[in-house]
Amino acid sequence: MTVQFSEGETKELNVALVPIPPQPASLVGQVIDGSTGEPIPGVLVEILSLVSITTAVDGTYGIANIPPGSYTVRFSHPDYETVEY
């Protein structure tokens, strides 16, 4: 939209903005051993009360289409201490 004003001219503009609806999010990453830096396969990655997956052989994981909101994410494996964020 282009608005041109002549000297001394006043115009009233009425503009309506439409909110952008919340979009789903994604969570991606890699789980590694804190001591060795090696990837850890088979880690259970849980978005509590929503979904859970396990990491791939290279320690990577990806969860798509997470609805907007606040969540706790838990990482657990039988050989490691469980962590929550």
PDB file of N, CA and C in Angstrom:
ATOM      1  N   MET A   1       0.849  -1.164   0.000  1.00  0.00           N
ATOM      2  CA  MET A   1       0.000   0.000   0.000  1.00  0.00           C
ATOM      3  C   MET A   1       0.895   1.227   0.000  1.00  0.00           C
ATOM      4  N   THR A   2       0.593   2.160  -0.865  1.00  0.00           N
ATOM      5  CA  THR A   2       1.313   3.425  -0.927  1.00  0.00           C
ATOM      6  C   THR A   2       0.350   4.550  -0.614  1.00  0.00           C
ATOM      7  N   VAL A   3       0.767   5.436   0.275  1.00  0.00           N
ATOM      8  CA  VAL A   3      -0.059   6.596   0.625  1.00  0.00           C
ATOM      9  C   VAL A   3       0.729   7.845   0.279  1.00  0.00           C
ATOM     10  N   GLN A   4       0.118   8.707  -0.513  1.00  0.00           N
ATOM     11  CA  GLN A   4       0.760   9.971  -0.863  1.00  0.00           C
ATOM     12  C   GLN A   4      -0.005  11.106  -0.193  1.00  0.00           C
ATOM     13  N   PHE A   5       0.734  12.030   0.378  1.00  0.00           N
ATOM     14  CA  PHE A   5       0.133  13.176   1.046  1.00  0.00           C
ATOM     15  C   PHE A   5       0.538  14.448   0.321  1.00  0.00           C
ATOM     16  N   SER A   6      -0.425  15.318   0.144  1.00  0.00           N
ATOM     17  CA  SER A   6      -0.115  16.658  -0.339  1.00  0.00           C
ATOM     18  C   SER A   6       0.201  17.504   0.881  1.00  0.00           C
ATOM     19  N   GLU A   7       0.905  18.584   0.676  1.00  0.00           N
ATOM     20  CA  GLU A   7       1.278  19.452   1.788  1.00  0.00           C
ATOM     21  C   GLU A   7       0.033  19.871   2.561  1.00  0.00           C
ATOM     22  N   GLY A   8       0.067  19.685   3.882  1.00  0.00           N
ATOM     23  CA  GLY A   8      -1.044  20.085   4.734  1.00  0.00           C
ATOM     24  C   GLY A   8      -2.204  19.097   4.764  1.00  0.00           C
ATOM     25  N   GLU A   9      -2.135  18.016   4.000  1.00  0.00           N
ATOM     26  CA  GLU A   9      -3.230  17.051   3.934  1.00  0.00           C
ATOM     27  C   GLU A   9      -3.123  16.050   5.085  1.00  0.00           C
ATOM     28  N   THR A  10      -4.256  15.648   5.616  1.00  0.00           N
ATOM     29  CA  THR A  10      -4.327  14.641   6.669  1.00  0.00           C
ATOM     30  C   THR A  10      -5.224  13.512   6.195  1.00  0.00           C
ATOM     31  N   LYS A  11      -4.782  12.285   6.409  1.00  0.00           N
ATOM     32  CA  LYS A  11      -5.596  11.123   6.056  1.00  0.00           C
ATOM     33  C   LYS A  11      -5.677  10.215   7.266  1.00  0.00           C
ATOM     34  N   GLU A  12      -6.828   9.600   7.431  1.00  0.00           N
ATOM     35  CA  GLU A  12      -7.007   8.626   8.490  1.00  0.00           C
ATOM     36  C   GLU A  12      -6.945   7.237   7.856  1.00  0.00           C
ATOM     37  N   LEU A  13      -6.087   6.395   8.401  1.00  0.00           N
ATOM     38  CA  LEU A  13      -5.944   5.034   7.890  1.00  0.00           C
ATOM     39  C   LEU A  13      -6.467   4.057   8.934  1.00  0.00           C
ATOM     40  N   ASN A  14      -7.343   3.187   8.538  1.00  0.00           N
ATOM     41  CA  ASN A  14      -7.809   2.111   9.399  1.00  0.00           C
ATOM     42  C   ASN A  14      -7.196   0.819   8.900  1.00  0.00           C
ATOM     43  N   VAL A  15      -6.429   0.174   9.759  1.00  0.00           N
ATOM     44  CA  VAL A  15      -5.726  -1.046   9.379  1.00  0.00           C
ATOM     45  C   VAL A  15      -6.135  -2.150  10.344  1.00  0.00           C
ATOM     46  N   ALA A  16      -6.476  -3.290   9.810  1.00  0.00           N
ATOM     47  CA  ALA A  16      -6.803  -4.448  10.630  1.00  0.00           C
ATOM     48  C   ALA A  16      -5.681  -5.473  10.498  1.00  0.00           C
ATOM     49  N   LEU A  17      -5.119  -5.880  11.625  1.00  0.00           N
ATOM     50  CA  LEU A  17      -4.088  -6.909  11.640  1.00  0.00           C
ATOM     51  C   LEU A  17      -4.708  -8.222  12.094  1.00  0.00           C
ATOM     52  N   VAL A  18      -4.297  -9.300  11.469  1.00  0.00           N
ATOM     53  CA  VAL A  18      -4.811 -10.615  11.810  1.00  0.00           C
ATOM     54  C   VAL A  18      -3.700 -11.369  12.541  1.00  0.00           C
ATOM     55  N   PRO A  19      -3.980 -11.865  13.761  1.00  0.00           N
ATOM     56  CA  PRO A  19      -2.926 -12.585  14.480  1.00  0.00           C
ATOM     57  C   PRO A  19      -2.535 -13.875  13.773  1.00  0.00           C
ATOM     58  N   ILE A  20      -1.284 -14.212  13.886  1.00  0.00           N
ATOM     59  CA  ILE A  20      -0.789 -15.463  13.328  1.00  0.00           C
ATOM     60  C   ILE A  20      -1.054 -16.549  14.365  1.00  0.00           C
ATOM     61  N   PRO A  21      -1.770 -17.596  13.995  1.00  0.00           N
ATOM     62  CA  PRO A  21      -2.058 -18.653  14.972  1.00  0.00           C
ATOM     63  C   PRO A  21      -0.777 -19.370  15.383  1.00  0.00           C
ATOM     64  N   PRO A  22      -0.737 -19.887  16.618  1.00  0.00           N
ATOM     65  CA  PRO A  22       0.449 -20.625  17.061  1.00  0.00           C
ATOM     66  C   PRO A  22       0.741 -21.795  16.122  1.00  0.00           C
ATOM     67  N   GLN A  23       2.004 -21.998  15.833  1.00  0.00           N
ATOM     68  CA  GLN A  23       2.431 -23.061  14.929  1.00  0.00           C
ATOM     69  C   GLN A  23       3.053 -24.205  15.733  1.00  0.00           C
ATOM     70  N   PRO A  24       2.910 -25.438  15.267  1.00  0.00           N
ATOM     71  CA  PRO A  24       3.572 -26.559  15.946  1.00  0.00           C
ATOM     72  C   PRO A  24       5.086 -26.392  15.887  1.00  0.00           C
ATOM     73  N   ALA A  25       5.743 -26.960  16.869  1.00  0.00           N
ATOM     74  CA  ALA A  25       7.200 -26.868  16.962  1.00  0.00           C
ATOM     75  C   ALA A  25       7.829 -28.233  16.705  1.00  0.00           C
ATOM     76  N   SER A  26       9.153 -28.242  16.624  1.00  0.00           N
ATOM     77  CA  SER A  26       9.922 -29.483  16.493  1.00  0.00           C
ATOM     78  C   SER A  26      11.029 -29.477  17.538  1.00  0.00           C
ATOM     79  N   LEU A  27      11.418 -30.659  17.964  1.00  0.00           N
ATOM     80  CA  LEU A  27      12.535 -30.819  18.890  1.00  0.00           C
ATOM     81  C   LEU A  27      13.488 -31.811  18.244  1.00  0.00           C
ATOM     82  N   VAL A  28      14.712 -31.386  17.984  1.00  0.00           N
ATOM     83  CA  VAL A  28      15.713 -32.251  17.358  1.00  0.00           C
ATOM     84  C   VAL A  28      17.034 -32.113  18.099  1.00  0.00           C
ATOM     85  N   GLY A  29      17.844 -33.157  18.066  1.00  0.00           N
ATOM     86  CA  GLY A  29      19.147 -33.079  18.711  1.00  0.00           C
ATOM     87  C   GLY A  29      19.882 -34.386  18.656  1.00  0.00           C
ATOM     88  N   GLN A  30      20.925 -34.448  19.465  1.00  0.00           N
ATOM     89  CA  GLN A  30      21.741 -35.649  19.562  1.00  0.00           C
ATOM     90  C   GLN A  30      22.121 -35.820  21.031  1.00  0.00           C
ATOM     91  N   VAL A  31      22.036 -37.053  21.518  1.00  0.00           N
ATOM     92  CA  VAL A  31      22.433 -37.362  22.891  1.00  0.00           C
ATOM     93  C   VAL A  31      23.814 -38.010  22.837  1.00  0.00           C
ATOM     94  N   ILE A  32      24.734 -37.423  23.612  1.00  0.00           N
ATOM     95  CA  ILE A  32      26.101 -37.948  23.651  1.00  0.00           C
ATOM     96  C   ILE A  32      26.507 -38.244  25.098  1.00  0.00           C
ATOM     97  N   ASP A  33      27.481 -39.118  25.255  1.00  0.00           N
ATOM     98  CA  ASP A  33      28.056 -39.436  26.562  1.00  0.00           C
ATOM     99  C   ASP A  33      28.871 -38.222  27.016  1.00  0.00           C
ATOM    100  N   GLY A  34      28.572 -37.724  28.219  1.00  0.00           N
ATOM    101  CA  GLY A  34      29.255 -36.537  28.731  1.00  0.00           C
ATOM    102  C   GLY A  34      30.737 -36.735  28.969  1.00  0.00           C
ATOM    103  N   SER A  35      31.184 -37.968  29.149  1.00  0.00           N
ATOM    104  CA  SER A  35      32.605 -38.242  29.396  1.00  0.00           C
ATOM    105  C   SER A  35      33.391 -38.487  28.119  1.00  0.00           C
ATOM    106  N   THR A  36      32.789 -39.245  27.208  1.00  0.00           N
ATOM    107  CA  THR A  36      33.538 -39.654  26.011  1.00  0.00           C
ATOM    108  C   THR A  36      33.178 -38.858  24.757  1.00  0.00           C
ATOM    109  N   GLY A  37      31.998 -38.224  24.759  1.00  0.00           N
ATOM    110  CA  GLY A  37      31.537 -37.506  23.570  1.00  0.00           C
ATOM    111  C   GLY A  37      30.945 -38.421  22.515  1.00  0.00           C
ATOM    112  N   GLU A  38      30.851 -39.710  22.827  1.00  0.00           N
ATOM    113  CA  GLU A  38      30.293 -40.679  21.874  1.00  0.00           C
ATOM    114  C   GLU A  38      28.771 -40.602  21.872  1.00  0.00           C
ATOM    115  N   PRO A  39      28.140 -40.782  20.718  1.00  0.00           N
ATOM    116  CA  PRO A  39      26.681 -40.788  20.658  1.00  0.00           C
ATOM    117  C   PRO A  39      26.107 -41.984  21.418  1.00  0.00           C
ATOM    118  N   ILE A  40      24.899 -41.792  21.977  1.00  0.00           N
ATOM    119  CA  ILE A  40      24.255 -42.871  22.727  1.00  0.00           C
ATOM    120  C   ILE A  40      22.968 -43.287  22.011  1.00  0.00           C
ATOM    121  N   PRO A  41      22.963 -44.477  21.419  1.00  0.00           N
ATOM    122  CA  PRO A  41      21.732 -44.984  20.798  1.00  0.00           C
ATOM    123  C   PRO A  41      20.791 -45.524  21.876  1.00  0.00           C
ATOM    124  N   GLY A  42      19.501 -45.572  21.557  1.00  0.00           N
ATOM    125  CA  GLY A  42      18.533 -46.197  22.446  1.00  0.00           C
ATOM    126  C   GLY A  42      18.126 -45.387  23.654  1.00  0.00           C
ATOM    127  N   VAL A  43      18.421 -44.096  23.658  1.00  0.00           N
ATOM    128  CA  VAL A  43      17.967 -43.232  24.761  1.00  0.00           C
ATOM    129  C   VAL A  43      16.487 -42.933  24.546  1.00  0.00           C
ATOM    130  N   LEU A  44      15.692 -43.087  25.607  1.00  0.00           N
ATOM    131  CA  LEU A  44      14.276 -42.766  25.532  1.00  0.00           C
ATOM    132  C   LEU A  44      14.128 -41.255  25.718  1.00  0.00           C
ATOM    133  N   VAL A  45      13.606 -40.592  24.700  1.00  0.00           N
ATOM    134  CA  VAL A  45      13.359 -39.149  24.736  1.00  0.00           C
ATOM    135  C   VAL A  45      11.847 -38.980  24.841  1.00  0.00           C
ATOM    136  N   GLU A  46      11.398 -38.385  25.953  1.00  0.00           N
ATOM    137  CA  GLU A  46       9.965 -38.234  26.195  1.00  0.00           C
ATOM    138  C   GLU A  46       9.594 -36.778  26.379  1.00  0.00           C
ATOM    139  N   ILE A  47       8.578 -36.353  25.671  1.00  0.00           N
ATOM    140  CA  ILE A  47       7.904 -35.107  26.022  1.00  0.00           C
ATOM    141  C   ILE A  47       6.739 -35.594  26.872  1.00  0.00           C
ATOM    142  N   LEU A  48       6.864 -35.400  28.187  1.00  0.00           N
ATOM    143  CA  LEU A  48       5.935 -36.016  29.118  1.00  0.00           C
ATOM    144  C   LEU A  48       4.487 -35.683  28.790  1.00  0.00           C
ATOM    145  N   SER A  49       3.650 -36.688  28.885  1.00  0.00           N
ATOM    146  CA  SER A  49       2.211 -36.608  28.594  1.00  0.00           C
ATOM    147  C   SER A  49       1.910 -36.351  27.129  1.00  0.00           C
ATOM    148  N   LEU A  50       2.913 -36.523  26.248  1.00  0.00           N
ATOM    149  CA  LEU A  50       2.664 -36.252  24.833  1.00  0.00           C
ATOM    150  C   LEU A  50       3.179 -37.355  23.919  1.00  0.00           C
ATOM    151  N   VAL A  51       4.493 -37.588  23.927  1.00  0.00           N
ATOM    152  CA  VAL A  51       5.086 -38.527  22.969  1.00  0.00           C
ATOM    153  C   VAL A  51       6.443 -38.999  23.492  1.00  0.00           C
ATOM    154  N   SER A  52       6.875 -40.176  23.024  1.00  0.00           N
ATOM    155  CA  SER A  52       8.222 -40.651  23.339  1.00  0.00           C
ATOM    156  C   SER A  52       8.802 -41.365  22.118  1.00  0.00           C
ATOM    157  N   ILE A  53      10.129 -41.257  21.987  1.00  0.00           N
ATOM    158  CA  ILE A  53      10.867 -41.924  20.910  1.00  0.00           C
ATOM    159  C   ILE A  53      12.201 -42.383  21.487  1.00  0.00           C
ATOM    160  N   THR A  54      12.959 -43.141  20.713  1.00  0.00           N
ATOM    161  CA  THR A  54      14.313 -43.505  21.126  1.00  0.00           C
ATOM    162  C   THR A  54      15.307 -42.957  20.102  1.00  0.00           C
ATOM    163  N   THR A  55      16.507 -42.681  20.591  1.00  0.00           N
ATOM    164  CA  THR A  55      17.537 -42.137  19.705  1.00  0.00           C
ATOM    165  C   THR A  55      18.035 -43.205  18.741  1.00  0.00           C
ATOM    166  N   ALA A  56      18.471 -42.750  17.589  1.00  0.00           N
ATOM    167  CA  ALA A  56      19.011 -43.629  16.541  1.00  0.00           C
ATOM    168  C   ALA A  56      20.417 -44.086  16.924  1.00  0.00           C
ATOM    169  N   VAL A  57      21.014 -44.896  16.089  1.00  0.00           N
ATOM    170  CA  VAL A  57      22.348 -45.443  16.350  1.00  0.00           C
ATOM    171  C   VAL A  57      23.391 -44.332  16.521  1.00  0.00           C
ATOM    172  N   ASP A  58      23.169 -43.183  15.889  1.00  0.00           N
ATOM    173  CA  ASP A  58      24.111 -42.059  16.020  1.00  0.00           C
ATOM    174  C   ASP A  58      23.685 -41.079  17.124  1.00  0.00           C
ATOM    175  N   GLY A  59      22.710 -41.492  17.961  1.00  0.00           N
ATOM    176  CA  GLY A  59      22.277 -40.671  19.088  1.00  0.00           C
ATOM    177  C   GLY A  59      21.315 -39.554  18.742  1.00  0.00           C
ATOM    178  N   THR A  60      20.921 -39.469  17.479  1.00  0.00           N
ATOM    179  CA  THR A  60      20.040 -38.363  17.070  1.00  0.00           C
ATOM    180  C   THR A  60      18.576 -38.702  17.333  1.00  0.00           C
ATOM    181  N   TYR A  61      17.777 -37.633  17.465  1.00  0.00           N
ATOM    182  CA  TYR A  61      16.340 -37.793  17.644  1.00  0.00           C
ATOM    183  C   TYR A  61      15.638 -36.603  17.004  1.00  0.00           C
ATOM    184  N   GLY A  62      14.375 -36.775  16.700  1.00  0.00           N
ATOM    185  CA  GLY A  62      13.576 -35.690  16.142  1.00  0.00           C
ATOM    186  C   GLY A  62      12.100 -35.933  16.402  1.00  0.00           C
ATOM    187  N   ILE A  63      11.445 -34.932  16.959  1.00  0.00           N
ATOM    188  CA  ILE A  63      10.008 -34.993  17.204  1.00  0.00           C
ATOM    189  C   ILE A  63       9.396 -33.771  16.540  1.00  0.00           C
ATOM    190  N   ALA A  64       8.430 -33.992  15.648  1.00  0.00           N
ATOM    191  CA  ALA A  64       7.791 -32.896  14.916  1.00  0.00           C
ATOM    192  C   ALA A  64       6.351 -32.707  15.386  1.00  0.00           C
ATOM    193  N   ASN A  65       5.770 -31.599  14.974  1.00  0.00           N
ATOM    194  CA  ASN A  65       4.352 -31.293  15.228  1.00  0.00           C
ATOM    195  C   ASN A  65       3.999 -31.260  16.710  1.00  0.00           C
ATOM    196  N   ILE A  66       4.844 -30.620  17.508  1.00  0.00           N
ATOM    197  CA  ILE A  66       4.568 -30.464  18.936  1.00  0.00           C
ATOM    198  C   ILE A  66       3.640 -29.267  19.101  1.00  0.00           C
ATOM    199  N   PRO A  67       2.468 -29.467  19.693  1.00  0.00           N
ATOM    200  CA  PRO A  67       1.543 -28.342  19.870  1.00  0.00           C
ATOM    201  C   PRO A  67       2.141 -27.275  20.788  1.00  0.00           C
ATOM    202  N   PRO A  68       1.762 -26.011  20.602  1.00  0.00           N
ATOM    203  CA  PRO A  68       2.255 -24.958  21.496  1.00  0.00           C
ATOM    204  C   PRO A  68       1.926 -25.296  22.952  1.00  0.00           C
ATOM    205  N   GLY A  69       2.833 -24.968  23.840  1.00  0.00           N
ATOM    206  CA  GLY A  69       2.626 -25.226  25.266  1.00  0.00           C
ATOM    207  C   GLY A  69       3.944 -25.373  25.987  1.00  0.00           C
ATOM    208  N   SER A  70       3.861 -25.642  27.274  1.00  0.00           N
ATOM    209  CA  SER A  70       5.042 -25.877  28.113  1.00  0.00           C
ATOM    210  C   SER A  70       5.120 -27.361  28.425  1.00  0.00           C
ATOM    211  N   TYR A  71       6.288 -27.927  28.266  1.00  0.00           N
ATOM    212  CA  TYR A  71       6.464 -29.359  28.452  1.00  0.00           C
ATOM    213  C   TYR A  71       7.725 -29.654  29.242  1.00  0.00           C
ATOM    214  N   THR A  72       7.758 -30.841  29.832  1.00  0.00           N
ATOM    215  CA  THR A  72       8.972 -31.379  30.435  1.00  0.00           C
ATOM    216  C   THR A  72       9.498 -32.443  29.481  1.00  0.00           C
ATOM    217  N   VAL A  73      10.798 -32.377  29.186  1.00  0.00           N
ATOM    218  CA  VAL A  73      11.430 -33.368  28.313  1.00  0.00           C
ATOM    219  C   VAL A  73      12.358 -34.214  29.176  1.00  0.00           C
ATOM    220  N   ARG A  74      12.197 -35.530  29.076  1.00  0.00           N
ATOM    221  CA  ARG A  74      13.007 -36.462  29.870  1.00  0.00           C
ATOM    222  C   ARG A  74      13.857 -37.314  28.938  1.00  0.00           C
ATOM    223  N   PHE A  75      15.122 -37.480  29.318  1.00  0.00           N
ATOM    224  CA  PHE A  75      16.060 -38.347  28.602  1.00  0.00           C
ATOM    225  C   PHE A  75      16.464 -39.455  29.563  1.00  0.00           C
ATOM    226  N   SER A  76      16.227 -40.720  29.172  1.00  0.00           N
ATOM    227  CA  SER A  76      16.581 -41.820  30.073  1.00  0.00           C
ATOM    228  C   SER A  76      17.156 -43.003  29.296  1.00  0.00           C
ATOM    229  N   HIS A  77      18.059 -43.694  29.977  1.00  0.00           N
ATOM    230  CA  HIS A  77      18.721 -44.878  29.419  1.00  0.00           C
ATOM    231  C   HIS A  77      19.147 -45.721  30.620  1.00  0.00           C
ATOM    232  N   PRO A  78      19.051 -47.044  30.532  1.00  0.00           N
ATOM    233  CA  PRO A  78      19.396 -47.887  31.686  1.00  0.00           C
ATOM    234  C   PRO A  78      20.826 -47.693  32.213  1.00  0.00           C
ATOM    235  N   ASP A  79      21.756 -47.313  31.356  1.00  0.00           N
ATOM    236  CA  ASP A  79      23.156 -47.180  31.765  1.00  0.00           C
ATOM    237  C   ASP A  79      23.539 -45.757  32.185  1.00  0.00           C
ATOM    238  N   TYR A  80      22.567 -44.820  32.183  1.00  0.00           N
ATOM    239  CA  TYR A  80      22.888 -43.417  32.475  1.00  0.00           C
ATOM    240  C   TYR A  80      21.853 -42.828  33.433  1.00  0.00           C
ATOM    241  N   GLU A  81      22.242 -41.746  34.051  1.00  0.00           N
ATOM    242  CA  GLU A  81      21.347 -40.999  34.936  1.00  0.00           C
ATOM    243  C   GLU A  81      20.269 -40.301  34.101  1.00  0.00           C
ATOM    244  N   THR A  82      19.022 -40.350  34.549  1.00  0.00           N
ATOM    245  CA  THR A  82      17.921 -39.688  33.853  1.00  0.00           C
ATOM    246  C   THR A  82      18.032 -38.173  34.030  1.00  0.00           C
ATOM    247  N   VAL A  83      17.746 -37.440  32.951  1.00  0.00           N
ATOM    248  CA  VAL A  83      17.788 -35.973  32.976  1.00  0.00           C
ATOM    249  C   VAL A  83      16.451 -35.437  32.501  1.00  0.00           C
ATOM    250  N   GLU A  84      15.973 -34.365  33.147  1.00  0.00           N
ATOM    251  CA  GLU A  84      14.739 -33.696  32.718  1.00  0.00           C
ATOM    252  C   GLU A  84      14.991 -32.211  32.537  1.00  0.00           C
ATOM    253  N   TYR A  85      14.349 -31.656  31.535  1.00  0.00           N
ATOM    254  CA  TYR A  85      14.397 -30.218  31.269  1.00  0.00           C
ATOM    255  C   TYR A  85      12.996 -29.682  31.186  1.00  0.00           C
TER     256      TYR A  85
END
